[in-house]
Protein backbone atom coordinates (compact mmCIF):
# COMPACT_ATOMS: atom_id res chain seq x y z
CA MET A 1 30.32 -40.45 66.57
CA LYS A 2 26.71 -39.46 67.27
CA ALA A 3 27.89 -36.23 68.83
CA LYS A 4 30.01 -35.46 65.77
CA ASN A 5 27.05 -36.06 63.38
CA PHE A 6 24.80 -33.94 65.60
CA PHE A 7 27.42 -31.17 65.59
CA TYR A 8 27.68 -31.17 61.77
CA SER A 9 23.91 -31.36 61.37
CA SER A 10 23.41 -28.40 63.68
CA ILE A 11 25.99 -26.36 61.73
CA VAL A 12 24.26 -27.13 58.42
CA ALA A 13 20.83 -26.34 59.89
CA SER A 14 21.96 -23.04 61.41
CA THR A 15 23.67 -22.04 58.16
CA LEU A 16 20.48 -22.73 56.19
CA LEU A 17 18.42 -20.86 58.77
CA PHE A 18 20.58 -17.73 58.73
CA THR A 19 21.11 -17.59 54.97
CA GLY A 20 17.45 -18.29 54.30
CA CYS A 21 16.24 -15.37 56.42
CA SER A 22 16.78 -12.83 53.66
CA SER A 23 14.21 -14.56 51.46
CA VAL A 24 11.61 -14.49 54.27
CA PHE A 25 11.35 -10.69 54.11
CA ASP A 26 9.26 -9.00 51.46
CA LYS A 27 9.83 -5.54 50.02
CA HIS A 28 7.88 -2.73 48.40
CA ILE A 29 9.60 -0.49 45.86
CA GLU A 30 8.28 3.00 45.11
CA TYR A 31 9.21 4.53 41.77
CA THR A 32 9.25 8.12 40.64
CA TYR A 33 9.17 9.52 37.11
CA GLU A 34 11.47 12.36 36.15
CA GLU A 35 10.25 15.07 33.83
CA PRO A 36 12.38 17.75 32.14
CA ASP A 37 11.95 21.41 33.06
CA TYR A 38 11.61 22.57 29.45
CA TYR A 39 10.26 21.03 26.24
CA PRO A 40 11.41 22.61 22.96
CA VAL A 41 9.20 22.76 19.89
CA LEU A 42 11.06 21.86 16.69
CA ARG A 43 9.90 23.26 13.36
CA ALA A 44 10.75 22.21 9.81
CA VAL A 45 9.72 23.24 6.32
CA GLY A 46 9.88 21.04 3.24
CA TYR A 47 9.76 22.36 -0.34
CA ALA A 48 9.02 20.71 -3.69
CA PRO A 49 8.80 22.25 -7.17
CA LEU A 50 5.40 21.73 -8.83
CA SER A 51 6.41 21.81 -12.50
CA SER A 52 9.15 19.16 -12.26
CA GLN A 53 6.93 16.53 -10.58
CA PRO A 54 5.87 13.48 -12.62
CA GLY A 55 2.26 13.42 -13.75
CA GLN A 56 0.07 14.07 -16.78
CA THR A 57 -2.15 16.75 -15.27
CA GLU A 58 -1.56 19.73 -13.00
CA SER A 59 -3.58 18.03 -10.24
CA GLN A 60 -1.34 14.96 -10.33
CA LYS A 61 1.78 17.14 -10.19
CA MET A 62 0.36 19.10 -7.27
CA LEU A 63 -0.43 15.92 -5.30
CA MET A 64 3.11 14.65 -5.90
CA ALA A 65 4.57 18.00 -4.82
CA ILE A 66 2.48 17.86 -1.62
CA LYS A 67 3.86 14.39 -0.82
CA VAL A 68 7.44 15.36 -1.61
CA SER A 69 7.29 18.56 0.45
CA LYS A 70 5.89 16.60 3.41
CA LEU A 71 8.70 14.03 3.15
CA GLU A 72 11.29 16.81 2.91
CA ALA A 73 9.88 18.42 6.05
CA TYR A 74 10.07 15.08 7.89
CA ARG A 75 13.66 14.66 6.68
CA GLU A 76 14.52 18.06 8.11
CA LEU A 77 12.93 17.11 11.46
CA ALA A 78 14.91 13.85 11.46
CA GLU A 79 18.10 15.86 10.93
CA GLN A 80 17.27 18.02 13.94
CA VAL A 81 16.40 15.07 16.19
CA HIS A 82 18.91 12.40 15.10
CA GLY A 83 21.60 14.37 13.28
CA GLN A 84 23.08 13.83 9.87
CA LYS A 85 25.78 11.33 8.93
CA LEU A 86 28.34 12.79 6.55
CA THR A 87 30.80 10.82 4.46
CA SER A 88 33.58 12.59 2.62
CA THR A 89 36.06 11.23 0.10
CA MET A 90 38.93 12.88 -1.68
CA THR A 91 41.61 11.50 -4.00
CA VAL A 92 44.88 13.37 -4.35
CA LYS A 93 47.51 12.57 -6.94
CA GLY A 94 50.74 14.55 -7.23
CA ALA A 95 49.49 17.19 -4.73
CA ILE A 96 46.48 17.84 -7.00
CA ALA A 97 42.93 16.94 -6.04
CA GLN A 98 41.58 14.38 -8.48
CA THR A 99 38.13 13.65 -7.05
CA ASP A 100 36.20 15.15 -4.19
CA GLY A 101 32.93 13.78 -2.88
CA LEU A 102 30.53 14.38 -0.03
CA SER A 103 27.43 12.39 0.80
CA SER A 104 24.96 12.68 3.64
CA LYS A 105 22.48 10.29 5.17
CA VAL A 106 19.64 10.88 7.59
CA GLY A 107 17.85 8.12 9.46
CA GLY A 108 15.48 7.99 12.36
CA LEU A 109 11.94 7.65 13.58
CA ILE A 110 9.75 10.72 14.06
CA LYS A 111 6.61 10.29 16.16
CA GLY A 112 4.16 12.97 17.16
CA ALA A 113 4.84 15.58 14.46
CA LYS A 114 1.91 17.57 13.15
CA ILE A 115 1.40 19.46 9.94
CA VAL A 116 1.03 23.15 10.70
CA LYS A 117 0.48 24.44 7.18
CA THR A 118 0.66 23.36 3.55
CA TYR A 119 0.65 25.95 0.77
CA SER A 120 2.00 26.81 -2.65
CA VAL A 121 4.29 29.72 -3.40
CA GLY A 122 4.56 30.24 -7.13
CA ASP A 123 5.90 27.01 -8.65
CA THR A 124 6.87 25.57 -5.24
CA TYR A 125 4.80 23.68 -2.71
CA ALA A 126 5.70 23.99 0.99
CA THR A 127 4.76 21.97 4.07
CA GLU A 128 5.46 23.18 7.62
CA LEU A 129 5.77 20.61 10.41
CA GLU A 130 6.01 21.01 14.15
CA LEU A 131 7.31 18.54 16.70
CA ASP A 132 6.45 19.31 20.31
CA MET A 133 8.98 17.48 22.46
CA LYS A 134 6.45 17.36 25.33
CA LYS A 135 4.25 15.14 23.14
CA VAL A 136 7.30 13.03 22.21
CA HIS A 137 8.11 12.66 25.92
CA GLU A 138 4.53 11.56 26.66
CA LEU A 139 4.68 8.99 23.84
CA TYR A 140 8.00 7.73 25.20
CA ILE A 141 6.68 7.48 28.78
CA SER A 142 3.56 5.60 27.67
CA ALA A 143 5.57 3.11 25.60
CA ILE A 144 8.75 2.58 27.64
CA LYS A 145 7.65 3.52 31.16
CA PRO A 146 11.12 4.50 32.43
CA ARG A 147 11.36 4.78 36.18
CA LYS A 148 13.75 5.60 38.93
CA VAL A 149 13.74 3.93 42.35
CA LYS A 150 12.40 6.42 44.87
CA ARG A 151 12.35 4.25 47.98
CA VAL A 152 12.54 0.60 49.04
CA ILE A 153 10.63 -0.57 52.11
CA TYR A 154 11.45 -3.97 53.61
CA TYR A 155 8.87 -5.82 55.69
């Protein structure tokens, strides 16, 4: 009986010893960061009519047109970066189109864009924006810190 208990104890001990060896070793992981070969620069222009802006004075209308043209330029950049969602509806009755509708929606976050120029052309105010994708990549790397395993060294 003692021999049988010793035999089972030695099996359990050897199993624990061999399965526990993997946790004894330590490892060092080296990471590498991948960078694209080319960074495009996206450009967008937003327009807003001066005379149709709300406001009591010309200065108030101009300030509103500046804001609207800037928002329009950002919308155009968002379209380029994230795309545009289109929804279309059409009702047909007796092989004749009754109603036809199309709507679009743009959504997204734009970081790192800079205003290149703002100016008025007649009754319209324009804002030009530029988005350097290299700057966007740097913002992404600093926030997310994506990495790829380069090498694993076990000790």
